[in-house]
Protein backbone atom coordinates (compact mmCIF):
# COMPACT_ATOMS: atom_id res chain seq x y z
CA UNK A 1 0.00 0.00 0.00
CA UNK A 2 1.28 3.44 -0.91
CA UNK A 3 2.07 5.54 2.13
CA UNK A 4 1.64 9.28 1.86
CA UNK A 5 3.95 11.85 3.44
CA UNK A 6 1.04 12.91 5.66
CA UNK A 7 0.68 9.37 6.96
CA UNK A 8 4.43 9.13 7.65
CA UNK A 9 4.32 12.38 9.55
CA UNK A 10 1.32 11.14 11.50
CA UNK A 11 3.04 7.90 12.55
CA UNK A 12 6.24 9.77 13.37
CA UNK A 13 4.28 12.18 15.57
CA UNK A 14 2.60 9.27 17.40
CA UNK A 15 6.00 7.61 17.98
CA UNK A 16 7.42 10.87 19.29
CA UNK A 17 4.54 11.32 21.73
CA UNK A 18 4.93 7.77 23.04
CA UNK A 19 8.69 8.16 23.37
CA UNK A 20 8.43 11.47 25.18
CA UNK A 21 5.73 10.11 27.44
CA UNK A 22 7.87 7.09 28.44
CA UNK A 23 10.95 9.25 28.94
CA UNK A 24 9.08 11.83 30.98
CA UNK A 25 7.57 9.16 33.22
CA UNK A 26 10.99 7.67 33.88
CA UNK A 27 12.48 11.04 34.69
CA UNK A 28 9.59 12.00 36.93
CA UNK A 29 9.84 8.72 38.81
CA UNK A 30 13.56 9.22 39.21
CA UNK A 31 13.07 12.76 40.47
CA UNK A 32 10.38 11.67 42.89
CA UNK A 33 12.49 8.79 44.19
CA UNK A 34 15.72 10.74 44.42
CA UNK A 35 16.51 11.51 48.05
CA UNK A 36 19.71 13.47 48.79
CA UNK A 37 19.49 12.52 52.48
CA UNK A 38 20.60 9.02 51.48
CA UNK A 39 24.06 10.41 50.70
CA UNK A 40 26.63 10.50 53.47
CA UNK A 41 30.37 10.55 54.10
CA UNK A 42 32.58 9.66 57.04
CA UNK A 43 36.29 10.40 57.40
CA UNK A 44 39.04 9.21 59.70
CA UNK A 45 42.49 7.80 60.29
CA UNK A 46 44.83 6.55 57.63
CA UNK A 47 44.86 2.87 56.73
CA UNK A 48 46.69 1.18 53.84
CA UNK A 49 48.73 4.31 53.30
CA UNK A 50 46.03 6.98 52.99
CA UNK A 51 43.32 8.74 54.99
CA UNK A 52 39.89 7.18 55.28
CA UNK A 53 36.90 8.47 53.31
CA UNK A 54 33.83 6.23 53.12
CA UNK A 55 30.61 7.05 51.28
CA UNK A 56 27.02 5.80 51.17
CA UNK A 57 24.29 6.46 48.62
CA UNK A 58 21.63 4.29 50.26
CA UNK A 59 21.20 5.84 53.68
CA UNK A 60 24.04 3.93 55.30
CA UNK A 61 23.07 0.37 54.32
CA UNK A 62 26.33 0.05 52.40
CA UNK A 63 29.54 2.08 52.51
CA UNK A 64 32.34 2.26 49.94
CA UNK A 65 35.82 3.62 50.56
CA UNK A 66 36.83 6.42 48.20
CA UNK A 67 40.19 7.56 46.88
CA UNK A 68 43.56 5.85 47.01
CA UNK A 69 47.14 6.54 48.09
CA UNK A 70 47.71 8.64 44.97
CA UNK A 71 44.84 11.05 45.63
CA UNK A 72 44.47 10.98 49.44
CA UNK A 73 47.45 11.89 51.69
CA UNK A 74 48.60 9.51 54.41
CA UNK A 75 47.16 11.62 57.24
CA UNK A 76 44.12 11.55 59.51
CA UNK A 77 41.14 13.33 58.01
CA UNK A 78 39.19 15.31 60.59
CA UNK A 79 36.04 16.77 59.07
CA UNK A 80 33.82 16.37 56.01
CA UNK A 81 31.04 18.60 54.72
CA UNK A 82 28.96 18.10 51.57
CA UNK A 83 27.19 20.91 49.73
CA UNK A 84 25.20 18.44 47.65
CA UNK A 85 25.60 14.90 46.31
CA UNK A 86 28.56 15.91 44.13
CA UNK A 87 30.46 18.70 45.90
CA UNK A 88 32.22 17.67 49.11
CA UNK A 89 35.09 19.07 51.20
CA UNK A 90 37.45 17.28 53.61
CA UNK A 91 40.24 18.66 55.81
CA UNK A 92 42.90 16.96 57.91
CA UNK A 93 46.50 16.78 58.98
CA UNK A 94 49.27 18.55 57.09
CA UNK A 95 51.41 16.74 54.50
CA UNK A 96 54.20 17.67 52.08
CA UNK A 97 54.62 21.10 53.64
CA UNK A 98 51.03 22.31 53.46
CA UNK A 99 47.59 21.87 54.99
CA UNK A 100 45.39 19.14 53.55
CA UNK A 101 42.17 20.30 51.91
CA UNK A 102 40.46 17.78 49.65
CA UNK A 103 37.71 18.58 47.18
CA UNK A 104 35.46 16.50 44.95
CA UNK A 105 32.94 17.69 42.37
CA UNK A 106 31.78 14.23 41.31
CA UNK A 107 30.61 12.75 44.58
CA UNK A 108 34.01 11.32 45.43
CA UNK A 109 34.78 9.36 42.28
CA UNK A 110 37.87 11.56 42.16
CA UNK A 111 39.44 13.80 44.80
CA UNK A 112 41.69 16.82 44.33
CA UNK A 113 44.26 17.73 46.97
CA UNK A 114 44.44 21.52 46.76
CA UNK A 115 47.93 21.43 48.20
CA UNK A 116 50.81 23.85 47.99
CA UNK A 117 49.70 25.38 44.69
CA UNK A 118 47.06 27.32 46.64
CA UNK A 119 49.67 28.70 49.06
CA UNK A 120 48.23 26.81 52.02
CA UNK A 121 50.15 27.07 55.30
CA UNK A 122 51.90 24.04 56.80
CA UNK A 123 49.36 23.45 59.58
CA UNK A 124 46.88 20.79 60.63
CA UNK A 125 43.27 21.69 59.86
CA UNK A 126 40.41 20.60 62.09
CA UNK A 127 37.28 21.95 60.45
CA UNK A 128 35.66 23.14 57.23
CA UNK A 129 32.40 25.06 56.75
CA UNK A 130 31.18 25.69 53.18
CA UNK A 131 28.44 28.24 52.64
CA UNK A 132 27.98 27.55 48.94
CA UNK A 133 29.97 26.37 45.92
CA UNK A 134 32.37 29.31 46.16
CA UNK A 135 32.60 30.39 49.80
CA UNK A 136 34.06 28.17 52.50
CA UNK A 137 35.97 28.55 55.74
CA UNK A 138 38.62 26.34 57.33
CA UNK A 139 40.32 26.48 60.73
CA UNK A 140 43.07 24.62 62.56
CA UNK A 141 46.28 24.79 64.53
CA UNK A 142 48.37 27.94 65.12
CA UNK A 143 45.20 30.01 65.09
CA UNK A 144 44.72 29.43 61.37
CA UNK A 145 41.54 30.83 59.81
CA UNK A 146 41.23 30.81 56.02
CA UNK A 147 38.39 31.70 53.68
CA UNK A 148 38.01 31.07 49.97
CA UNK A 149 35.56 32.90 47.73
CA UNK A 150 36.32 30.98 44.55
CA UNK A 151 35.80 27.35 45.47
CA UNK A 152 39.27 26.83 46.90
CA UNK A 153 41.35 28.21 44.05
CA UNK A 154 42.68 31.00 46.26
CA UNK A 155 42.59 31.57 50.01
CA UNK A 156 42.48 34.68 52.16
CA UNK A 157 44.02 34.65 55.63
CA UNK A 158 41.54 35.80 58.28
CA UNK A 159 43.67 34.71 61.24
CA UNK A 160 44.02 37.07 64.17
CA UNK A 161 47.65 37.39 65.35
CA UNK A 162 46.43 37.67 68.95
CA UNK A 163 45.39 34.00 68.75
CA UNK A 164 48.30 32.59 66.75
CA UNK A 165 49.16 30.13 69.53
CA UNK A 166 45.62 28.77 69.78
CA UNK A 167 44.30 25.47 68.49
CA UNK A 168 41.03 26.06 66.64
CA UNK A 169 39.01 22.86 66.66
CA UNK A 170 35.75 23.75 64.89
CA UNK A 171 34.30 26.49 62.70
CA UNK A 172 30.72 27.17 61.62
CA UNK A 173 29.76 29.87 59.15
CA UNK A 174 26.11 30.71 59.86
CA UNK A 175 26.01 33.13 56.93
CA UNK A 176 28.44 35.42 55.10
CA UNK A 177 28.84 37.70 58.10
CA UNK A 178 28.46 35.46 61.16
CA UNK A 179 31.21 32.92 61.82
CA UNK A 180 31.83 31.03 65.06
CA UNK A 181 34.99 29.20 66.08
CA UNK A 182 35.84 27.21 69.20
CA UNK A 183 39.10 25.78 70.47
CA UNK A 184 41.77 26.21 73.11
CA UNK A 185 44.29 28.83 74.14
CA UNK A 186 47.99 28.06 74.47
CA UNK A 187 47.41 27.34 78.16
CA UNK A 188 44.55 24.93 77.39
CA UNK A 189 41.63 27.16 78.38
CA UNK A 190 38.47 27.09 76.32
CA UNK A 191 37.96 29.88 73.81
CA UNK A 192 35.24 31.06 71.43
CA UNK A 193 35.84 33.47 68.56
CA UNK A 194 32.94 35.20 66.83
CA UNK A 195 32.89 37.46 63.80
CA UNK A 196 29.87 39.45 62.65
CA UNK A 197 31.65 41.11 59.71
CA UNK A 198 32.78 38.22 57.57
CA UNK A 199 36.03 37.64 59.41
CA UNK A 200 37.38 41.18 59.16
CA UNK A 201 37.62 41.15 62.96
CA UNK A 202 37.08 38.66 65.76
CA UNK A 203 35.71 38.98 69.26
CA UNK A 204 36.88 36.47 71.84
CA UNK A 205 33.65 35.78 73.73
CA UNK A 206 35.55 33.87 76.39
CA UNK A 207 37.30 37.12 77.36
CA UNK A 208 34.05 38.55 78.69
CA UNK A 209 32.19 35.38 79.64
CA UNK A 210 33.48 32.60 81.85
CA UNK A 211 33.06 29.92 79.22
CA UNK A 212 35.27 27.03 80.26
CA UNK A 213 38.56 26.48 81.99
CA UNK A 214 39.21 23.60 79.61
CA UNK A 215 39.54 23.25 75.87
CA UNK A 216 36.51 23.22 73.58
CA UNK A 217 36.20 20.63 70.84
CA UNK A 218 33.18 21.00 68.54
CA UNK A 219 30.08 23.06 67.96
CA UNK A 220 26.63 22.88 66.40
CA UNK A 221 24.67 25.94 65.32
CA UNK A 222 20.91 26.07 64.85
CA UNK A 223 20.67 29.72 63.78
CA UNK A 224 22.27 33.10 64.44
CA UNK A 225 21.05 33.00 68.06
CA UNK A 226 21.23 29.36 69.16
CA UNK A 227 24.45 27.37 69.30
CA UNK A 228 25.95 24.58 71.39
CA UNK A 229 29.59 23.72 72.08
CA UNK A 230 31.13 20.50 73.40
CA UNK A 231 34.41 20.38 75.29
CA UNK A 232 36.38 18.83 78.07
CA UNK A 233 33.82 17.72 80.68
CA UNK A 234 31.28 20.26 79.49
CA UNK A 235 28.65 21.34 77.00
CA UNK A 236 27.68 24.98 76.57
CA UNK A 237 24.67 26.78 75.13
CA UNK A 238 23.92 30.26 73.89
CA UNK A 239 20.43 31.49 72.96
CA UNK A 240 21.39 35.14 72.41
CA UNK A 241 23.90 34.97 69.59
CA UNK A 242 26.89 34.37 71.86
CA UNK A 243 26.41 37.32 74.20
CA UNK A 244 26.18 34.83 77.05
CA UNK A 245 27.07 31.16 77.32
CA UNK A 246 25.64 28.79 79.92
CA UNK A 247 26.88 25.38 80.98
CA UNK A 248 24.24 22.75 80.19
CA UNK A 249 25.86 19.40 80.84
CA UNK A 250 24.65 16.12 82.38
CA UNK A 251 28.03 15.46 84.00
CA UNK A 252 29.43 16.74 87.25
CA UNK A 253 33.14 16.72 87.96
CA UNK A 254 34.50 14.34 85.33
CA UNK A 255 37.79 14.11 83.48
CA UNK A 256 36.61 12.88 80.09
CA UNK A 257 35.85 14.82 76.92
CA UNK A 258 32.45 15.65 75.52
CA UNK A 259 33.53 15.42 71.88
CA UNK A 260 30.46 15.94 69.74
CA UNK A 261 27.20 17.86 69.86
CA UNK A 262 24.27 18.30 67.49
CA UNK A 263 21.35 20.65 68.00
CA UNK A 264 18.26 19.41 66.16
CA UNK A 265 15.82 22.12 67.20
CA UNK A 266 15.36 24.57 70.06
CA UNK A 267 14.65 21.70 72.47
CA UNK A 268 16.46 18.63 71.16
CA UNK A 269 20.22 18.17 71.51
CA UNK A 270 22.52 15.14 71.59
CA UNK A 271 26.04 15.08 73.03
CA UNK A 272 28.54 12.23 72.73
CA UNK A 273 31.68 11.69 74.77
CA UNK A 274 34.43 9.31 75.78
CA UNK A 275 33.74 5.79 77.01
CA UNK A 276 30.69 5.34 74.83
CA UNK A 277 28.58 8.01 76.53
CA UNK A 278 25.54 9.25 74.60
CA UNK A 279 23.17 11.78 76.18
CA UNK A 280 20.06 13.51 74.86
CA UNK A 281 17.92 16.42 76.03
CA UNK A 282 14.44 17.30 74.81
CA UNK A 283 14.05 20.41 76.98
CA UNK A 284 17.00 22.52 75.84
CA UNK A 285 19.48 21.11 78.31
CA UNK A 286 17.50 21.28 81.52
CA UNK A 287 17.36 17.49 81.80
CA UNK A 288 19.33 14.74 80.10
CA UNK A 289 18.71 11.08 79.34
CA UNK A 290 21.64 8.68 79.14
CA UNK A 291 21.34 6.32 76.18
CA UNK A 292 22.77 2.82 75.99
CA UNK A 293 25.15 1.61 73.30
CA UNK A 294 27.47 -1.35 73.05
CA UNK A 295 30.46 0.95 72.79
CA UNK A 296 31.79 1.51 76.29
CA UNK A 297 35.39 1.06 75.13
CA UNK A 298 35.12 3.71 72.43
CA UNK A 299 35.51 7.44 72.16
CA UNK A 300 32.30 8.78 70.66
CA UNK A 301 33.68 11.66 68.59
CA UNK A 302 30.98 13.18 66.38
CA UNK A 303 27.24 13.01 65.81
CA UNK A 304 24.84 14.24 63.12
CA UNK A 305 21.05 14.03 63.12
CA UNK A 306 18.21 14.45 60.65
CA UNK A 307 15.61 14.93 63.38
CA UNK A 308 14.78 13.88 66.92
CA UNK A 309 14.66 10.21 65.86
CA UNK A 310 17.31 9.63 63.18
CA UNK A 311 20.98 10.18 64.08
CA UNK A 312 24.47 8.87 63.34
CA UNK A 313 27.60 8.64 65.54
CA UNK A 314 31.20 7.84 64.70
CA UNK A 315 34.29 7.28 66.82
CA UNK A 316 37.14 4.93 67.64
CA UNK A 317 38.52 2.59 70.28
CA UNK A 318 40.37 4.06 73.25
CA UNK A 319 43.48 1.95 72.72
CA UNK A 320 45.51 0.85 69.68
CA UNK A 321 44.80 -0.23 67.04
CA UNK A 322 42.00 2.34 67.56
CA UNK A 323 39.48 0.55 65.39
CA UNK A 324 36.59 2.76 64.39
CA UNK A 325 32.90 2.51 65.12
CA UNK A 326 29.71 3.78 63.48
CA UNK A 327 26.30 3.79 65.17
CA UNK A 328 22.81 4.60 63.89
CA UNK A 329 19.44 5.13 65.56
CA UNK A 330 16.00 5.59 64.02
CA UNK A 331 14.04 5.62 67.28
CA UNK A 332 15.48 8.63 69.03
CA UNK A 333 18.32 6.71 70.64
CA UNK A 334 16.35 3.99 72.40
CA UNK A 335 18.40 1.60 70.27
CA UNK A 336 21.78 2.29 68.70
CA UNK A 337 22.84 -0.22 66.06
CA UNK A 338 26.43 -0.73 64.99
CA UNK A 339 27.00 -0.29 61.25
CA UNK A 340 29.75 -1.86 59.16
CA UNK A 341 31.46 0.69 56.94
CA UNK A 342 33.95 -1.49 55.06
CA UNK A 343 37.20 -0.64 56.84
CA UNK A 344 38.58 -0.63 60.36
CA UNK A 345 40.05 2.85 60.43
CA UNK A 346 39.04 5.11 63.31
CA UNK A 347 36.43 7.69 62.32
CA UNK A 348 36.64 11.38 63.23
CA UNK A 349 33.54 12.80 61.57
CA UNK A 350 30.31 11.86 59.78
CA UNK A 351 28.00 13.98 57.64
CA UNK A 352 24.81 13.32 55.71
CA UNK A 353 23.22 15.75 53.28
CA UNK A 354 20.20 17.25 55.00
CA UNK A 355 21.37 16.38 58.50
CA UNK A 356 22.37 18.79 61.26
CA UNK A 357 26.00 18.68 62.39
C-alpha cells in the first residue's frame, strides 16, 4: 500500500509522543524517588597508606571507601562537609609542607588535593564550613583561619595574630557575616571566637564570659542566636547569639571529653563523649537522658542528626589499634545499632546531606 507523506508524519508524531511520554515518566519517577538525604560521608584515620573516606548512597546500608594513596594523603582526616551529592570538602593533617584540603565535584569518584599550589600554610586543619559552591571557611592549629571565595582556588588569611598560639578545633559559618569558632588557648583554656563582619575582625567571647577552663572541641549551630559547644567535661549553650554562654551538661566533675554535639531544634540536643557516653535532652538542656550503646570502650567523637529520631555517631577505640565505630538510631536513641562501613580505620567525623552537624 502506498504511504503518503502525511501518513508518515502522523506515525512519526505518534511515535514521538509515546517516546516522550515514556521518557518523561521515567524522569519523573527518578526525580520523585531521588533523596539526597541518602548520601553520606565519614572520614578518619589513615589505613593502607592513605586517609579514610567512606561514602554511602543508600542511607548507610552500604559504605564504599573512596580515593587511594595517589589522591588521598597519608594523614588523619578530621572533618567532612557536603554541599550536595557531588560537591564535598574534607580537611585533615598537614602533608608535604602544606595543609590538607580535599575537594570533589563528582561525589568522590575523584578527589583533588588543593595542596601547595594554593599557598596553604603548613598546619593541621580541624574543620571546614562551606556556605555555597564558592565560599568556605577552614580552621586549625596555630590560630589558622582561612576563607576562599572561589571554590578553593585562592585563600584569604583571616587569622588574628592575637590567637596565633591557639588550636582552633571547629568552625561554623552561619552566613556570610556570622562565623563562630571554638578551640583552646595556648594554656589549654576554652575559647570562642565570633565574627559578625565576615572575618574582618574577631571577638573572643571567652574574654568577657566565663566559658570554660578547659579546651573546647566541637560546635553545632541552629541559627544566628542558638548554638551549642562540646568540650572537656562540658557542654555549653547560647540562645542570644553568643552574648552569654551557659553550661548545660549532664556530667558533674568528670575528666573525660564531651567530643560531639548536634542541635536538632530549640529543644532537642545530643552530646557524645568518651567511654561510649551518649546523652540527649528534649528540653533545651535542663534534663538529660543517658542512652545505651554497646560501645563503652570507644571514644564517641561526632554526631549528626536528621531529626529527633534519626541520628548517626562515629568514633574509635580508646586503645591501639583504635578501630573505628559507626552507630545509627532511628528511634530517638532507644536503640543504637552498629554499622559496618567497610574498613577498620578510626572515624573522626560523619556527615549526611540534609542532617544537622
